[in-house]
Every structure is written in C-alpha cells, then in structure tokens.
Amino acid sequence: MWLASIGVVLNLLATLGVQAQTADLPDSSGKMILTIVVLVWALSLLGLILIAAGKKKAGGILVIVGSIAFVPLGLVAMIGARNVMKAAKDDLAERRQLASTDGGAPPAA
C-alpha cells in the first residue's frame, strides 16, 4: 500500500505542476484542464481511501484509472495498486485453500 500512497502523492505534485503551467493560459481553457486533472487525481485518492478501508480490488482499480492521466509518473501508483490487488487475490486463494483442507470449519480463535 505504501507504493500506491507514494504514487498518489506524486500525482498530486503533478497536479500542482499542471496548475502552475495552466496559470498562463486563457481562463476558460486553463480552468478546464485544471478541473479535469484535479478530478482524475481525486479519483485516485478515492481509490487509496477504499484500499485503506479494505476494498482492495475496487480501490486498486480506481487508483489505476486515476493514474492513467499522469503517465509516466502515474506508473508508481499503478504498480502499487497492482501489488495491493495481487496481495488481496493471493490472500483470498490462501484462505480458500485453508478452508478446503479444514473441511470448511472456521479457524479457531
């Protein structure tokens, strides 16, 4: 999760860079570009919040989709989100394997 978090922070820095670059553009086009970039970054932030809340697959997908606009810098968040989703998948497979060998009994506390 730490790699996805670092990636989302890097995407925020890219958003601030876009804001600095669009300051010289005419008002309508600069605001439109900045609005789109901020919304895409907010999407990746929402994904990071979902990952922290335990919804790893949905959160990972949102981080990946939100980071597409920031490629190549967004690759850091994309790789981190992919790792989180892979770990969740491996954990699920491990729990299923454990359940099938125990005969479906819940684990003892």
N, C-alpha and C. Protein backbone atom coordinates (compact mmCIF):
# COMPACT_ATOMS: atom_id res chain seq x y z
N MET A 1 0.82 -1.19 0.00
CA MET A 1 0.00 0.00 0.00
C MET A 1 0.87 1.26 0.00
N TRP A 2 2.07 1.15 0.56
CA TRP A 2 2.91 2.34 0.65
C TRP A 2 3.32 2.84 -0.73
N LEU A 3 3.51 1.92 -1.69
CA LEU A 3 3.90 2.34 -3.04
C LEU A 3 2.75 3.08 -3.73
N ALA A 4 1.53 2.59 -3.53
CA ALA A 4 0.37 3.28 -4.09
C ALA A 4 0.20 4.66 -3.45
N SER A 5 0.45 4.75 -2.16
CA SER A 5 0.35 6.05 -1.46
C SER A 5 1.37 7.04 -1.99
N ILE A 6 2.60 6.58 -2.17
CA ILE A 6 3.64 7.45 -2.72
C ILE A 6 3.26 7.89 -4.13
N GLY A 7 2.70 6.97 -4.91
CA GLY A 7 2.28 7.30 -6.27
C GLY A 7 1.19 8.35 -6.30
N VAL A 8 0.22 8.25 -5.40
CA VAL A 8 -0.85 9.25 -5.36
C VAL A 8 -0.30 10.61 -4.94
N VAL A 9 0.66 10.63 -4.03
CA VAL A 9 1.30 11.89 -3.64
C VAL A 9 2.07 12.48 -4.83
N LEU A 10 2.76 11.63 -5.57
CA LEU A 10 3.47 12.11 -6.77
C LEU A 10 2.47 12.65 -7.80
N ASN A 11 1.30 12.01 -7.91
CA ASN A 11 0.27 12.52 -8.81
C ASN A 11 -0.22 13.89 -8.36
N LEU A 12 -0.28 14.09 -7.04
CA LEU A 12 -0.66 15.41 -6.51
C LEU A 12 0.37 16.45 -6.91
N LEU A 13 1.64 16.09 -6.83
CA LEU A 13 2.69 17.03 -7.25
C LEU A 13 2.57 17.36 -8.73
N ALA A 14 2.21 16.36 -9.53
CA ALA A 14 2.00 16.60 -10.96
C ALA A 14 0.79 17.52 -11.17
N THR A 15 -0.23 17.35 -10.34
CA THR A 15 -1.41 18.22 -10.43
C THR A 15 -1.02 19.66 -10.12
N LEU A 16 -0.20 19.84 -9.11
CA LEU A 16 0.26 21.20 -8.78
C LEU A 16 1.11 21.77 -9.90
N GLY A 17 1.88 20.92 -10.56
CA GLY A 17 2.67 21.37 -11.71
C GLY A 17 1.78 21.80 -12.87
N VAL A 18 0.71 21.05 -13.09
CA VAL A 18 -0.24 21.43 -14.14
C VAL A 18 -0.90 22.75 -13.79
N GLN A 19 -1.21 22.94 -12.52
CA GLN A 19 -1.83 24.19 -12.09
C GLN A 19 -0.89 25.36 -12.34
N ALA A 20 0.39 25.17 -12.10
CA ALA A 20 1.36 26.25 -12.34
C ALA A 20 1.50 26.52 -13.84
N GLN A 21 1.45 25.48 -14.66
CA GLN A 21 1.60 25.66 -16.10
C GLN A 21 0.35 26.26 -16.75
N THR A 22 -0.82 25.97 -16.18
CA THR A 22 -2.05 26.50 -16.79
C THR A 22 -2.36 27.92 -16.34
N ALA A 23 -1.57 28.48 -15.46
CA ALA A 23 -1.81 29.84 -14.99
C ALA A 23 -1.66 30.85 -16.13
N ASP A 24 -0.84 30.53 -17.13
CA ASP A 24 -0.60 31.45 -18.24
C ASP A 24 -1.63 31.31 -19.36
N LEU A 25 -2.44 30.26 -19.32
CA LEU A 25 -3.43 30.04 -20.38
C LEU A 25 -4.63 30.95 -20.18
N PRO A 26 -5.42 31.14 -21.23
CA PRO A 26 -6.67 31.89 -21.05
C PRO A 26 -7.54 31.20 -20.00
N ASP A 27 -8.38 31.98 -19.35
CA ASP A 27 -9.15 31.48 -18.20
C ASP A 27 -9.93 30.21 -18.49
N SER A 28 -10.68 30.16 -19.57
CA SER A 28 -11.56 29.01 -19.80
C SER A 28 -10.78 27.72 -20.04
N SER A 29 -9.77 27.75 -20.87
CA SER A 29 -9.03 26.52 -21.16
C SER A 29 -8.18 26.10 -19.97
N GLY A 30 -7.57 27.04 -19.28
CA GLY A 30 -6.77 26.71 -18.11
C GLY A 30 -7.61 26.09 -17.01
N LYS A 31 -8.80 26.65 -16.77
CA LYS A 31 -9.68 26.10 -15.74
C LYS A 31 -10.19 24.72 -16.13
N MET A 32 -10.46 24.52 -17.41
CA MET A 32 -10.96 23.22 -17.87
C MET A 32 -9.89 22.14 -17.67
N ILE A 33 -8.67 22.43 -18.08
CA ILE A 33 -7.57 21.46 -17.92
C ILE A 33 -7.34 21.16 -16.45
N LEU A 34 -7.29 22.19 -15.63
CA LEU A 34 -7.05 22.00 -14.21
C LEU A 34 -8.18 21.21 -13.56
N THR A 35 -9.42 21.48 -13.94
CA THR A 35 -10.56 20.75 -13.39
C THR A 35 -10.47 19.27 -13.72
N ILE A 36 -10.14 18.95 -14.94
CA ILE A 36 -10.03 17.55 -15.34
C ILE A 36 -8.91 16.86 -14.57
N VAL A 37 -7.77 17.51 -14.44
CA VAL A 37 -6.63 16.91 -13.73
C VAL A 37 -6.96 16.71 -12.25
N VAL A 38 -7.62 17.68 -11.64
CA VAL A 38 -7.98 17.55 -10.22
C VAL A 38 -8.99 16.44 -10.03
N LEU A 39 -9.97 16.31 -10.92
CA LEU A 39 -10.96 15.23 -10.80
C LEU A 39 -10.31 13.86 -10.96
N VAL A 40 -9.38 13.73 -11.88
CA VAL A 40 -8.69 12.46 -12.08
C VAL A 40 -7.84 12.13 -10.85
N TRP A 41 -7.18 13.13 -10.28
CA TRP A 41 -6.40 12.90 -9.07
C TRP A 41 -7.32 12.52 -7.90
N ALA A 42 -8.48 13.17 -7.80
CA ALA A 42 -9.43 12.84 -6.74
C ALA A 42 -9.92 11.40 -6.87
N LEU A 43 -10.04 10.92 -8.10
CA LEU A 43 -10.42 9.53 -8.33
C LEU A 43 -9.37 8.58 -7.77
N SER A 44 -8.11 8.88 -8.00
CA SER A 44 -7.05 8.03 -7.45
C SER A 44 -6.98 8.14 -5.93
N LEU A 45 -7.26 9.30 -5.38
CA LEU A 45 -7.29 9.47 -3.93
C LEU A 45 -8.44 8.66 -3.33
N LEU A 46 -9.59 8.67 -3.98
CA LEU A 46 -10.72 7.87 -3.53
C LEU A 46 -10.36 6.39 -3.53
N GLY A 47 -9.64 5.97 -4.56
CA GLY A 47 -9.19 4.58 -4.62
C GLY A 47 -8.26 4.24 -3.46
N LEU A 48 -7.38 5.15 -3.12
CA LEU A 48 -6.47 4.93 -1.99
C LEU A 48 -7.25 4.82 -0.68
N ILE A 49 -8.27 5.64 -0.53
CA ILE A 49 -9.12 5.57 0.67
C ILE A 49 -9.85 4.23 0.72
N LEU A 50 -10.34 3.76 -0.41
CA LEU A 50 -11.02 2.46 -0.45
C LEU A 50 -10.06 1.32 -0.11
N ILE A 51 -8.82 1.41 -0.57
CA ILE A 51 -7.82 0.39 -0.22
C ILE A 51 -7.61 0.38 1.29
N ALA A 52 -7.50 1.56 1.88
CA ALA A 52 -7.30 1.64 3.33
C ALA A 52 -8.52 1.12 4.09
N ALA A 53 -9.71 1.23 3.49
CA ALA A 53 -10.94 0.76 4.12
C ALA A 53 -11.16 -0.74 3.94
N GLY A 54 -10.31 -1.39 3.15
CA GLY A 54 -10.43 -2.83 2.97
C GLY A 54 -10.99 -3.27 1.63
N LYS A 55 -11.44 -2.37 0.83
CA LYS A 55 -11.96 -2.68 -0.51
C LYS A 55 -10.80 -2.60 -1.49
N LYS A 56 -9.94 -3.61 -1.45
CA LYS A 56 -8.68 -3.54 -2.18
C LYS A 56 -8.84 -3.61 -3.70
N LYS A 57 -9.75 -4.43 -4.19
CA LYS A 57 -9.90 -4.55 -5.64
C LYS A 57 -10.50 -3.28 -6.24
N ALA A 58 -11.59 -2.82 -5.66
CA ALA A 58 -12.23 -1.60 -6.18
C ALA A 58 -11.30 -0.39 -6.03
N GLY A 59 -10.63 -0.29 -4.90
CA GLY A 59 -9.70 0.80 -4.68
C GLY A 59 -8.52 0.75 -5.64
N GLY A 60 -8.01 -0.44 -5.88
CA GLY A 60 -6.90 -0.59 -6.81
C GLY A 60 -7.26 -0.18 -8.23
N ILE A 61 -8.47 -0.56 -8.63
CA ILE A 61 -8.94 -0.17 -9.97
C ILE A 61 -9.05 1.34 -10.08
N LEU A 62 -9.59 1.99 -9.05
CA LEU A 62 -9.73 3.45 -9.09
C LEU A 62 -8.36 4.15 -9.10
N VAL A 63 -7.42 3.62 -8.35
CA VAL A 63 -6.08 4.22 -8.35
C VAL A 63 -5.46 4.09 -9.74
N ILE A 64 -5.61 2.92 -10.35
CA ILE A 64 -5.04 2.71 -11.68
C ILE A 64 -5.70 3.63 -12.71
N VAL A 65 -7.02 3.70 -12.69
CA VAL A 65 -7.72 4.56 -13.66
C VAL A 65 -7.37 6.03 -13.42
N GLY A 66 -7.29 6.44 -12.15
CA GLY A 66 -6.95 7.82 -11.84
C GLY A 66 -5.51 8.19 -12.17
N SER A 67 -4.64 7.20 -12.26
CA SER A 67 -3.23 7.46 -12.51
C SER A 67 -2.87 7.44 -13.99
N ILE A 68 -3.79 7.01 -14.83
CA ILE A 68 -3.50 6.93 -16.26
C ILE A 68 -3.13 8.31 -16.82
N ALA A 69 -3.79 9.34 -16.34
CA ALA A 69 -3.55 10.69 -16.86
C ALA A 69 -2.15 11.21 -16.50
N PHE A 70 -1.51 10.58 -15.53
CA PHE A 70 -0.22 11.09 -15.04
C PHE A 70 0.96 10.26 -15.51
N VAL A 71 0.77 9.40 -16.50
CA VAL A 71 1.87 8.57 -17.01
C VAL A 71 2.94 9.48 -17.58
N PRO A 72 4.18 9.30 -17.32
CA PRO A 72 4.87 8.17 -16.72
C PRO A 72 4.94 8.23 -15.20
N LEU A 73 4.71 9.38 -14.58
CA LEU A 73 4.78 9.50 -13.13
C LEU A 73 3.72 8.63 -12.46
N GLY A 74 2.59 8.47 -13.09
CA GLY A 74 1.49 7.68 -12.55
C GLY A 74 1.78 6.20 -12.49
N LEU A 75 2.84 5.76 -13.15
CA LEU A 75 3.19 4.33 -13.11
C LEU A 75 3.53 3.87 -11.70
N VAL A 76 4.03 4.76 -10.87
CA VAL A 76 4.34 4.39 -9.49
C VAL A 76 3.06 3.97 -8.77
N ALA A 77 2.02 4.77 -8.87
CA ALA A 77 0.74 4.44 -8.23
C ALA A 77 0.11 3.22 -8.88
N MET A 78 0.24 3.09 -10.19
CA MET A 78 -0.34 1.93 -10.88
C MET A 78 0.31 0.62 -10.41
N ILE A 79 1.62 0.62 -10.29
CA ILE A 79 2.33 -0.58 -9.84
C ILE A 79 1.97 -0.88 -8.38
N GLY A 80 1.88 0.15 -7.56
CA GLY A 80 1.49 -0.05 -6.16
C GLY A 80 0.09 -0.60 -6.04
N ALA A 81 -0.84 -0.09 -6.83
CA ALA A 81 -2.22 -0.58 -6.79
C ALA A 81 -2.29 -2.02 -7.29
N ARG A 82 -1.51 -2.33 -8.31
CA ARG A 82 -1.48 -3.71 -8.82
C ARG A 82 -0.94 -4.66 -7.75
N ASN A 83 0.07 -4.24 -7.03
CA ASN A 83 0.62 -5.07 -5.95
C ASN A 83 -0.40 -5.29 -4.84
N VAL A 84 -1.17 -4.26 -4.50
CA VAL A 84 -2.20 -4.39 -3.48
C VAL A 84 -3.27 -5.37 -3.93
N MET A 85 -3.70 -5.26 -5.19
CA MET A 85 -4.73 -6.17 -5.69
C MET A 85 -4.20 -7.60 -5.77
N LYS A 86 -2.94 -7.77 -6.15
CA LYS A 86 -2.34 -9.11 -6.22
C LYS A 86 -2.24 -9.73 -4.84
N ALA A 87 -1.86 -8.95 -3.84
CA ALA A 87 -1.77 -9.45 -2.47
C ALA A 87 -3.14 -9.86 -1.96
N ALA A 88 -4.18 -9.09 -2.29
CA ALA A 88 -5.53 -9.44 -1.87
C ALA A 88 -5.99 -10.73 -2.55
N LYS A 89 -5.64 -10.91 -3.81
CA LYS A 89 -6.00 -12.12 -4.54
C LYS A 89 -5.28 -13.33 -3.95
N ASP A 90 -3.99 -13.18 -3.65
CA ASP A 90 -3.23 -14.28 -3.05
C ASP A 90 -3.78 -14.64 -1.68
N ASP A 91 -4.18 -13.63 -0.91
CA ASP A 91 -4.75 -13.87 0.41
C ASP A 91 -6.06 -14.65 0.30
N LEU A 92 -6.88 -14.29 -0.68
CA LEU A 92 -8.15 -14.98 -0.90
C LEU A 92 -7.89 -16.43 -1.29
N ALA A 93 -6.93 -16.66 -2.18
CA ALA A 93 -6.62 -18.03 -2.60
C ALA A 93 -6.10 -18.84 -1.41
N GLU A 94 -5.31 -18.22 -0.56
CA GLU A 94 -4.79 -18.91 0.62
C GLU A 94 -5.92 -19.27 1.59
N ARG A 95 -6.86 -18.36 1.79
CA ARG A 95 -7.99 -18.65 2.68
C ARG A 95 -8.87 -19.75 2.11
N ARG A 96 -9.06 -19.75 0.78
CA ARG A 96 -9.86 -20.81 0.17
C ARG A 96 -9.17 -22.16 0.32
N GLN A 97 -7.87 -22.18 0.14
CA GLN A 97 -7.12 -23.43 0.30
C GLN A 97 -7.21 -23.93 1.74
N LEU A 98 -7.10 -23.04 2.68
CA LEU A 98 -7.19 -23.40 4.08
C LEU A 98 -8.58 -23.94 4.41
N ALA A 99 -9.62 -23.31 3.86
CA ALA A 99 -10.99 -23.75 4.12
C ALA A 99 -11.25 -25.14 3.52
N SER A 100 -10.67 -25.41 2.37
CA SER A 100 -10.92 -26.70 1.74
C SER A 100 -10.19 -27.83 2.47
N THR A 101 -9.05 -27.57 3.09
CA THR A 101 -8.33 -28.60 3.82
C THR A 101 -8.90 -28.82 5.22
N ASP A 102 -9.57 -27.81 5.78
CA ASP A 102 -10.18 -27.94 7.11
C ASP A 102 -11.59 -28.50 7.04
N GLY A 103 -12.08 -28.73 5.86
CA GLY A 103 -13.45 -29.20 5.74
C GLY A 103 -14.47 -28.09 5.91
N GLY A 104 -14.04 -26.87 5.75
CA GLY A 104 -14.97 -25.73 5.84
C GLY A 104 -15.15 -25.20 7.24
N ALA A 105 -14.42 -25.74 8.21
CA ALA A 105 -14.55 -25.27 9.58
C ALA A 105 -13.89 -23.92 9.73
N PRO A 106 -14.50 -23.03 10.51
CA PRO A 106 -13.86 -21.71 10.72
C PRO A 106 -12.61 -21.86 11.57
N PRO A 107 -11.66 -20.96 11.39
CA PRO A 107 -10.41 -21.06 12.17
C PRO A 107 -10.69 -20.85 13.66
N ALA A 108 -9.92 -21.55 14.48
CA ALA A 108 -10.06 -21.41 15.93
C ALA A 108 -9.42 -20.11 16.38
N ALA A 109 -10.06 -19.49 17.37
CA ALA A 109 -9.56 -18.22 17.86
C ALA A 109 -8.48 -18.38 18.89
